[in-house]
Amino acid sequence: MTVEHPSRRTVLKTTVALSTAASLGVAPGHGQDRSATPLGRLDAVLRAATEARDAPGLVAMAATDKDILYEGVFGSRNLATGEAMTRDTVFRIASMTKAVTSTAALQLVEQGKLQLEDQVPNIDPALGTPQVLEGFDASGAPKLRPAKRPITLRHLLTHTAGFCYEVWDGDMVRYVKATGMPSTPTGKVASIRMPLVFDPGERWEYGVNIDWVGRIIESASGKPLDAYFRDHIFGPLGMTDTDYVFSPQQEARLVSVHQRKPDGSLEPQPLVAPFTPEFRSGGGGLYSTASDYLTFARMLLLGGSINGTRILKPETVALMNRNQIGDIEAGRLKTTAPERSTDVDFFPGQSLRWGLGYMINEQQGPNGRSPGTVTWAGIFNTHYWIDPARRVTGVIMMQVLPFGDPRAMKVYGQFERGVYDLLKSA
């Protein structure tokens, strides 16, 4: 297999068995025994992880502000068919959509069409006259009251508005059952018209906040969200494999989701028939490739511009990367649906904060990332991080449930550690 990175002239030829797919990359020691280099060791770790079924297959990529640092492709798209993973495999990136939506919203802030601190546009009663769920009466009926203050765009971008997700909030599960409100996977607008679970600005809880940001972007720009993304982010960046829908050619490259079973095995899940939702979700729903998303992450690493294309101003990206929630703790999730998500705490014992679009670790990470690194993920265990201090970003894509699956998280940690080992040797 021959791969040529557009940013360099080096061509690396690697012959591998289909059972483990391909490993691609360029690192110090080209022309020498790769197994003795940090690149070769990272290849070996990720290959072993797929052979051990820590993940069925994966695509992992990393880059600095100057160049591609690593590309690795291992395992299978579908364990039942044995179809090999490839560099251009299409993944469901779920909540990795949120950073894209946040970027779009901040483009509109730069243009003066939206304001971070003002009350958000009153495009729906859920935003204009929000209600807070205080509990349930003796009959099980929800008790609601008006919110103490209005919702701002900053609240939504930092998950401090009071919205939640059913999968991580037991009270909302109960509310949905009591009221008949549609669940969020239905794609109905009514599914995000939920009450708040606290007053805006008082806590952090992960939720449908960025779905509402997507609706606000549509109102402020006059464009459907997918069209806005194509015109102002994907098209300019050359992200040709990223969208809410996939072509027949992309469907042929689509990976299967695998569910971790109680015995530790992985079971491919049937492909869900595509349907047209009532709205495009700003919080999830995009399909993409690791290489497309790495381009997006590198744009942010480089201060909003890449290959001569500017998406955001440097000062806007700097604002995104700063703590926006003060002393509020962020980033921890308590599951209501163990088949969908574990109890998530990516950095046990550490204080976590939130910027305008993603989580911030304020201390050194256990696998190498610096304090001030920004990061988030998708529910099918796709992950990225951007480390401004070390000038490096990484993306690893798997399709495994539940979110936070310990074995998938181990692979993510091994990849991150290997990337920082590569930095040391560069």
Protein backbone atom coordinates (compact mmCIF):
# COMPACT_ATOMS: atom_id res chain seq x y z
CA MET A 1 0.00 0.00 0.00
CA THR A 2 1.36 3.42 -0.94
CA VAL A 3 0.30 6.65 0.75
CA GLU A 4 1.60 10.11 -0.01
CA HIS A 5 0.79 12.90 2.42
CA PRO A 6 0.04 16.16 0.63
CA SER A 7 2.24 18.02 3.10
CA ARG A 8 5.37 16.02 2.31
CA ARG A 9 7.09 14.19 -0.53
CA THR A 10 7.97 11.07 1.44
CA VAL A 11 6.24 7.92 0.22
CA LEU A 12 6.04 5.00 2.59
CA LYS A 13 5.37 1.50 1.25
CA THR A 14 4.05 -1.00 3.75
CA THR A 15 2.92 -4.55 3.08
CA VAL A 16 0.55 -6.06 5.63
CA ALA A 17 -1.96 -8.87 5.99
CA LEU A 18 -5.63 -8.02 5.50
CA SER A 19 -6.40 -9.49 8.91
CA THR A 20 -4.79 -6.51 10.56
CA ALA A 21 -5.25 -4.02 7.68
CA ALA A 22 -2.67 -1.33 7.09
CA SER A 23 -0.29 0.73 9.19
CA LEU A 24 0.70 4.01 7.63
CA GLY A 25 3.09 6.63 8.87
CA VAL A 26 6.36 8.47 8.62
CA ALA A 27 8.70 8.98 11.55
CA PRO A 28 12.40 9.16 12.37
CA GLY A 29 14.15 5.99 11.32
CA HIS A 30 12.60 5.72 7.84
CA GLY A 31 14.52 3.02 5.97
CA GLN A 32 15.53 1.31 9.24
CA ASP A 33 13.86 -1.44 11.23
CA ARG A 34 10.50 0.18 12.11
CA SER A 35 9.90 -2.17 15.00
CA ALA A 36 12.76 -0.57 16.91
CA THR A 37 11.33 2.96 16.54
CA PRO A 38 8.54 4.69 18.51
CA LEU A 39 6.48 4.49 15.32
CA GLY A 40 6.93 0.74 15.08
CA ARG A 41 6.13 0.29 18.77
CA LEU A 42 2.92 2.29 18.40
CA ASP A 43 1.98 0.22 15.34
CA ALA A 44 2.51 -2.95 17.36
CA VAL A 45 0.42 -1.76 20.31
CA LEU A 46 -2.55 -0.77 18.17
CA ARG A 47 -2.35 -3.91 16.04
CA ALA A 48 -2.28 -6.04 19.20
CA ALA A 49 -5.29 -4.15 20.57
CA THR A 50 -7.41 -5.07 17.56
CA GLU A 51 -6.19 -8.66 17.61
CA ALA A 52 -7.18 -8.86 21.28
CA ARG A 53 -10.58 -7.37 20.40
CA ASP A 54 -10.08 -4.34 22.64
CA ALA A 55 -11.50 -2.71 19.52
CA PRO A 56 -12.70 -4.44 16.35
CA GLY A 57 -10.80 -1.96 14.21
CA LEU A 58 -9.54 1.59 14.34
CA VAL A 59 -8.05 4.49 12.45
CA ALA A 60 -5.66 6.65 14.48
CA MET A 61 -3.99 9.84 13.27
CA ALA A 62 -1.93 12.60 14.84
CA ALA A 63 -0.32 15.79 13.60
CA THR A 64 1.75 18.68 14.84
CA ASP A 65 1.37 22.28 13.75
CA LYS A 66 3.90 21.51 11.01
CA ASP A 67 3.19 18.03 9.67
CA ILE A 68 1.44 14.69 9.89
CA LEU A 69 3.02 12.75 12.76
CA TYR A 70 1.30 9.37 12.58
CA GLU A 71 -1.32 7.37 10.73
CA GLY A 72 -2.36 3.87 11.70
CA VAL A 73 -5.12 1.64 10.31
CA PHE A 74 -5.81 -1.72 11.97
CA GLY A 75 -8.45 -4.41 12.31
CA SER A 76 -11.85 -4.80 10.76
CA ARG A 77 -14.87 -2.68 9.91
CA ASN A 78 -17.11 -5.64 10.72
CA LEU A 79 -16.01 -8.69 12.68
CA ALA A 80 -18.77 -10.81 11.15
CA THR A 81 -17.63 -10.21 7.57
CA GLY A 82 -13.93 -9.65 8.20
CA GLU A 83 -13.93 -6.57 5.99
CA ALA A 84 -10.65 -4.74 6.58
CA MET A 85 -10.51 -1.25 8.06
CA THR A 86 -9.15 1.36 5.63
CA ARG A 87 -7.83 4.89 5.95
CA ASP A 88 -11.00 6.29 4.32
CA THR A 89 -13.46 4.33 6.48
CA VAL A 90 -16.53 6.42 7.34
CA PHE A 91 -17.45 6.64 11.04
CA ARG A 92 -20.41 7.98 13.01
CA ILE A 93 -18.71 10.74 14.98
CA ALA A 94 -21.77 11.59 17.12
CA SER A 95 -20.83 14.27 19.68
CA MET A 96 -17.63 15.17 17.88
CA THR A 97 -20.19 17.16 15.86
CA LYS A 98 -20.39 19.57 18.81
CA ALA A 99 -17.01 21.19 18.16
CA VAL A 100 -18.05 21.82 14.56
CA THR A 101 -21.32 23.44 15.67
CA SER A 102 -19.49 25.52 18.27
CA THR A 103 -17.09 26.70 15.56
CA ALA A 104 -20.01 27.72 13.35
CA ALA A 105 -21.68 29.63 16.19
CA LEU A 106 -18.47 31.50 16.93
CA GLN A 107 -18.14 32.46 13.27
CA LEU A 108 -21.51 34.18 13.68
CA VAL A 109 -20.32 35.82 16.90
CA GLU A 110 -17.35 37.19 14.98
CA GLN A 111 -19.79 38.62 12.42
CA GLY A 112 -21.93 40.24 15.11
CA LYS A 113 -24.94 38.06 14.28
CA LEU A 114 -24.84 36.35 17.69
CA GLN A 115 -23.66 37.46 21.13
CA LEU A 116 -22.13 35.24 23.78
CA GLU A 117 -23.56 37.07 26.78
CA ASP A 118 -27.01 38.16 25.58
CA GLN A 119 -30.14 36.09 25.97
CA VAL A 120 -30.30 33.67 23.06
CA PRO A 121 -32.80 34.44 20.29
CA ASN A 122 -36.33 33.47 21.29
CA ILE A 123 -36.79 30.89 18.54
CA ASP A 124 -38.59 28.41 20.81
CA PRO A 125 -40.28 28.50 24.24
CA ALA A 126 -37.67 26.05 25.55
CA LEU A 127 -35.14 28.85 25.08
CA GLY A 128 -37.28 31.95 25.52
CA THR A 129 -39.29 30.91 28.59
CA PRO A 130 -37.39 27.93 30.05
CA GLN A 131 -38.87 25.87 32.86
CA VAL A 132 -36.87 24.04 35.54
CA LEU A 133 -37.81 20.52 36.65
CA GLU A 134 -37.90 20.56 40.47
CA GLY A 135 -39.05 17.00 40.98
CA PHE A 136 -42.28 15.02 40.91
CA ASP A 137 -45.39 15.13 43.06
CA ALA A 138 -46.94 12.17 44.87
CA SER A 139 -48.78 11.10 41.72
CA GLY A 140 -45.57 11.16 39.67
CA ALA A 141 -46.43 14.34 37.79
CA PRO A 142 -43.46 16.65 37.09
CA LYS A 143 -43.15 19.87 39.10
CA LEU A 144 -41.92 22.81 37.01
CA ARG A 145 -41.10 26.46 37.71
CA PRO A 146 -39.74 29.31 35.57
CA ALA A 147 -35.97 29.57 35.35
CA LYS A 148 -34.36 32.29 37.48
CA ARG A 149 -32.41 33.82 34.60
CA PRO A 150 -32.29 33.72 30.79
CA ILE A 151 -30.17 31.32 28.77
CA THR A 152 -27.16 32.77 26.96
CA LEU A 153 -25.10 31.35 24.10
CA ARG A 154 -22.21 30.95 26.54
CA HIS A 155 -24.44 28.77 28.74
CA LEU A 156 -25.30 26.55 25.77
CA LEU A 157 -21.73 26.24 24.49
CA THR A 158 -20.47 25.27 27.96
CA HIS A 159 -23.31 22.89 28.93
CA THR A 160 -24.29 25.11 31.85
CA ALA A 161 -27.74 26.11 30.54
CA GLY A 162 -29.50 23.32 32.45
CA PHE A 163 -30.35 20.96 29.59
CA CYS A 164 -29.44 17.29 29.89
CA TYR A 165 -29.51 13.94 28.07
CA GLU A 166 -31.72 11.07 29.17
CA VAL A 167 -28.82 8.61 28.98
CA TRP A 168 -27.08 10.49 31.82
CA ASP A 169 -30.00 11.90 33.83
CA GLY A 170 -32.48 9.69 35.66
CA ASP A 171 -34.93 12.53 36.32
CA MET A 172 -35.23 13.20 32.59
CA VAL A 173 -35.86 9.51 31.92
CA ARG A 174 -38.71 9.75 34.41
CA TYR A 175 -39.96 13.01 32.86
CA VAL A 176 -40.05 11.50 29.37
CA LYS A 177 -42.07 8.53 30.64
CA ALA A 178 -44.45 10.74 32.62
CA THR A 179 -45.17 13.20 29.81
CA GLY A 180 -44.84 11.12 26.65
CA MET A 181 -42.22 13.51 25.30
CA PRO A 182 -40.35 11.82 22.42
CA SER A 183 -36.89 10.54 23.21
CA THR A 184 -33.89 12.29 21.63
CA PRO A 185 -33.00 9.47 19.17
CA THR A 186 -36.34 10.06 17.37
CA GLY A 187 -34.94 13.17 15.70
CA LYS A 188 -38.06 15.17 16.57
CA VAL A 189 -37.77 18.81 17.59
CA ALA A 190 -40.07 18.03 20.52
CA SER A 191 -37.39 15.69 21.90
CA ILE A 192 -35.15 18.65 22.80
CA ARG A 193 -38.00 20.78 24.19
CA MET A 194 -37.23 19.49 27.64
CA PRO A 195 -37.24 21.41 30.92
CA LEU A 196 -33.96 22.40 32.50
CA VAL A 197 -32.66 20.36 35.43
CA PHE A 198 -31.09 23.43 37.10
CA ASP A 199 -31.03 27.18 36.60
CA PRO A 200 -28.73 28.51 33.86
CA GLY A 201 -25.16 29.07 34.95
CA GLU A 202 -25.34 27.14 38.22
CA ARG A 203 -23.91 23.73 37.24
CA TRP A 204 -22.49 21.71 34.38
CA GLU A 205 -24.44 18.86 32.84
CA TYR A 206 -23.97 17.38 29.41
CA GLY A 207 -27.08 17.70 27.29
CA VAL A 208 -28.93 18.92 24.20
CA ASN A 209 -27.45 22.40 24.52
CA ILE A 210 -25.56 22.22 21.22
CA ASP A 211 -28.65 20.94 19.42
CA TRP A 212 -30.19 24.28 20.32
CA VAL A 213 -27.05 26.06 19.15
CA GLY A 214 -27.58 24.39 15.78
CA ARG A 215 -31.14 25.73 15.63
CA ILE A 216 -29.87 29.19 16.53
CA ILE A 217 -27.25 29.03 13.77
CA GLU A 218 -29.98 28.26 11.25
CA SER A 219 -32.04 31.23 12.46
CA ALA A 220 -29.12 33.67 12.51
CA SER A 221 -27.59 32.58 9.19
CA GLY A 222 -30.75 31.85 7.21
CA LYS A 223 -29.30 28.49 6.12
CA PRO A 224 -30.02 24.88 7.07
CA LEU A 225 -27.31 23.62 9.37
CA ASP A 226 -25.90 21.09 6.91
CA ALA A 227 -25.67 23.75 4.20
CA TYR A 228 -24.00 26.18 6.60
CA PHE A 229 -21.38 23.57 7.54
CA ARG A 230 -20.67 22.75 3.89
CA ASP A 231 -20.37 26.40 2.88
CA HIS A 232 -18.38 27.74 5.82
CA ILE A 233 -16.41 24.80 7.29
CA PHE A 234 -16.35 21.56 5.30
CA GLY A 235 -16.01 23.05 1.84
CA PRO A 236 -13.27 25.55 2.73
CA LEU A 237 -11.34 22.85 4.63
CA GLY A 238 -11.73 20.18 1.95
CA MET A 239 -13.62 17.85 4.32
CA THR A 240 -15.33 16.00 1.48
CA ASP A 241 -16.26 12.93 3.54
CA THR A 242 -18.06 14.80 6.35
CA ASP A 243 -21.84 15.30 6.30
CA TYR A 244 -25.13 14.23 7.86
CA VAL A 245 -25.89 11.86 4.99
CA PHE A 246 -23.64 9.51 3.08
CA SER A 247 -23.49 8.71 -0.61
CA PRO A 248 -23.65 5.12 -1.93
CA GLN A 249 -19.87 5.29 -2.39
CA GLN A 250 -19.41 6.37 1.24
CA GLU A 251 -21.87 3.73 2.45
CA ALA A 252 -19.52 1.12 1.02
CA ARG A 253 -16.87 2.47 3.43
CA LEU A 254 -19.16 2.71 6.48
CA VAL A 255 -18.01 0.87 9.60
CA SER A 256 -20.35 -1.24 11.76
CA VAL A 257 -21.02 -0.42 15.40
CA HIS A 258 -19.95 -3.23 17.74
CA GLN A 259 -21.56 -3.82 21.15
CA ARG A 260 -19.42 -5.08 24.02
CA LYS A 261 -21.13 -8.14 25.49
CA PRO A 262 -20.99 -9.19 29.18
CA ASP A 263 -18.37 -11.84 28.35
CA GLY A 264 -16.12 -9.17 26.81
CA SER A 265 -16.73 -10.16 23.20
CA LEU A 266 -17.80 -7.71 20.51
CA GLU A 267 -20.96 -8.20 18.46
CA PRO A 268 -21.57 -6.26 15.22
CA GLN A 269 -24.90 -4.45 15.28
CA PRO A 270 -27.25 -4.28 12.29
CA LEU A 271 -27.06 -1.06 10.31
CA VAL A 272 -29.92 1.24 11.26
CA ALA A 273 -31.96 2.27 8.24
CA PRO A 274 -31.37 5.96 7.51
CA PHE A 275 -34.27 8.28 8.22
CA THR A 276 -34.80 12.00 7.78
CA PRO A 277 -35.02 13.73 11.17
CA GLU A 278 -37.10 16.85 11.72
CA PHE A 279 -33.91 18.83 12.27
CA ARG A 280 -30.17 18.47 11.80
CA SER A 281 -28.62 17.94 15.21
CA GLY A 282 -25.91 20.37 16.23
CA GLY A 283 -25.00 17.92 18.97
CA GLY A 284 -24.46 14.82 16.87
CA GLY A 285 -25.27 13.00 13.67
CA LEU A 286 -22.29 13.72 11.43
CA TYR A 287 -20.42 11.04 9.51
CA SER A 288 -16.73 11.63 8.89
CA THR A 289 -13.32 10.05 8.42
CA ALA A 290 -10.32 10.32 10.71
CA SER A 291 -8.42 12.29 8.08
CA ASP A 292 -11.25 14.80 7.63
CA TYR A 293 -11.58 15.35 11.36
CA LEU A 294 -7.82 15.66 11.79
CA THR A 295 -7.94 18.53 9.29
CA PHE A 296 -10.59 20.22 11.42
CA ALA A 297 -8.59 19.65 14.63
CA ARG A 298 -5.40 20.95 13.01
CA MET A 299 -7.26 24.11 11.98
CA LEU A 300 -8.03 24.72 15.65
CA LEU A 301 -4.48 23.78 16.69
CA LEU A 302 -3.17 26.36 14.21
CA GLY A 303 -5.37 29.13 15.59
CA GLY A 304 -8.27 28.92 13.15
CA SER A 305 -6.44 28.71 9.82
CA ILE A 306 -4.89 25.90 7.76
CA ASN A 307 -3.42 25.78 4.26
CA GLY A 308 -4.26 29.44 3.72
CA THR A 309 -7.93 29.03 4.68
CA ARG A 310 -9.13 30.94 7.73
CA ILE A 311 -12.18 29.58 9.58
CA LEU A 312 -11.90 31.52 12.87
CA LYS A 313 -9.81 34.39 14.19
CA PRO A 314 -6.88 33.38 16.45
CA GLU A 315 -8.40 35.27 19.38
CA THR A 316 -11.65 33.31 18.96
CA VAL A 317 -9.83 29.98 19.11
CA ALA A 318 -7.94 31.20 22.17
CA LEU A 319 -11.29 32.00 23.79
CA MET A 320 -12.61 28.53 22.94
CA ASN A 321 -9.59 27.01 24.67
CA ARG A 322 -9.97 28.96 27.93
CA ASN A 323 -11.99 27.86 30.96
CA GLN A 324 -15.43 29.45 30.60
CA ILE A 325 -17.15 28.03 33.69
CA GLY A 326 -15.03 29.23 36.60
CA ASP A 327 -14.92 26.78 39.49
CA ILE A 328 -17.76 24.59 38.22
CA GLU A 329 -16.68 20.96 37.81
CA ALA A 330 -17.32 19.37 34.41
CA GLY A 331 -16.88 16.19 32.45
CA ARG A 332 -18.38 13.45 34.63
CA LEU A 333 -21.38 11.40 33.54
CA LYS A 334 -23.56 8.92 35.48
CA THR A 335 -25.25 6.50 33.14
CA THR A 336 -28.92 5.49 33.08
CA ALA A 337 -28.33 3.06 30.19
CA PRO A 338 -25.25 0.86 30.72
CA GLU A 339 -25.52 -0.63 27.24
CA ARG A 340 -25.06 2.88 25.81
CA SER A 341 -22.57 4.40 28.23
CA THR A 342 -20.48 3.60 31.26
CA ASP A 343 -20.15 5.99 34.19
CA VAL A 344 -17.64 8.33 32.60
CA ASP A 345 -14.72 10.06 34.30
CA PHE A 346 -11.87 10.43 31.84
CA PHE A 347 -9.43 11.84 34.42
CA PRO A 348 -10.22 10.46 37.89
CA GLY A 349 -9.11 12.77 40.67
CA GLN A 350 -8.56 15.74 38.37
CA SER A 351 -10.54 18.96 38.09
CA LEU A 352 -12.07 19.36 34.65
CA ARG A 353 -13.42 22.52 33.05
CA TRP A 354 -15.15 23.48 29.81
CA GLY A 355 -14.28 25.92 27.07
CA LEU A 356 -16.51 27.07 24.22
CA GLY A 357 -17.04 23.65 22.69
CA TYR A 358 -15.02 21.05 24.57
CA MET A 359 -13.58 19.80 27.85
CA ILE A 360 -10.32 21.11 29.33
CA ASN A 361 -7.99 19.15 31.58
CA GLU A 362 -6.23 21.59 33.92
CA GLN A 363 -3.53 19.15 35.01
CA GLN A 364 -1.06 16.95 33.16
CA GLY A 365 -2.79 13.94 31.65
CA PRO A 366 -1.59 10.44 32.56
CA ASN A 367 -0.65 9.65 28.95
CA GLY A 368 1.21 12.82 28.07
CA ARG A 369 -1.20 15.62 27.26
CA SER A 370 -0.39 19.02 28.74
CA PRO A 371 -2.50 21.09 31.13
CA GLY A 372 -4.86 23.17 29.03
CA THR A 373 -5.47 20.43 26.46
CA VAL A 374 -8.99 20.43 24.98
CA THR A 375 -10.81 17.24 24.13
CA TRP A 376 -14.10 15.46 23.59
CA ALA A 377 -15.57 12.37 21.98
CA GLY A 378 -18.52 10.63 20.35
CA ILE A 379 -20.69 8.01 21.98
CA PHE A 380 -19.33 5.24 19.70
CA ASN A 381 -15.84 5.85 21.12
CA THR A 382 -14.43 8.27 18.61
CA HIS A 383 -12.04 10.66 20.38
CA TYR A 384 -9.83 13.66 19.75
CA TRP A 385 -7.56 15.96 21.71
CA ILE A 386 -5.80 19.23 20.88
CA ASP A 387 -2.74 20.15 22.96
CA PRO A 388 -1.82 23.81 22.32
CA ALA A 389 1.24 23.68 24.61
CA ARG A 390 2.89 20.76 22.79
CA ARG A 391 1.42 21.78 19.41
CA VAL A 392 -0.05 18.36 18.71
CA THR A 393 -3.49 16.93 18.02
CA GLY A 394 -4.72 13.35 17.78
CA VAL A 395 -7.83 11.58 16.51
CA ILE A 396 -8.74 7.93 17.08
CA MET A 397 -11.91 6.44 15.67
CA MET A 398 -13.51 3.19 16.78
CA GLN A 399 -17.18 2.10 16.70
CA VAL A 400 -17.79 0.43 20.05
CA LEU A 401 -20.57 0.67 22.61
CA PRO A 402 -20.85 1.47 25.45
CA PHE A 403 -19.29 4.92 25.53
CA GLY A 404 -16.27 4.86 27.82
CA ASP A 405 -15.85 1.10 27.31
CA PRO A 406 -12.77 0.36 29.46
CA ARG A 407 -11.01 -1.68 26.79
CA ALA A 408 -11.60 0.97 24.11
CA MET A 409 -10.40 3.65 26.53
CA LYS A 410 -7.24 1.63 27.13
CA VAL A 411 -6.55 1.71 23.39
CA TYR A 412 -7.12 5.47 23.34
CA GLY A 413 -4.62 5.90 26.18
CA GLN A 414 -2.06 3.70 24.44
CA PHE A 415 -2.40 5.74 21.27
CA GLU A 416 -1.97 9.02 23.12
CA ARG A 417 1.09 7.75 24.97
CA GLY A 418 2.60 6.59 21.69
CA VAL A 419 2.02 9.98 20.08
CA TYR A 420 3.95 11.76 22.84
CA ASP A 421 6.73 9.19 22.53
CA LEU A 422 6.89 10.09 18.84
CA LEU A 423 7.16 13.77 19.74
CA LYS A 424 10.16 13.02 21.94
CA SER A 425 11.94 11.26 19.10
CA ALA A 426 11.11 13.80 16.40
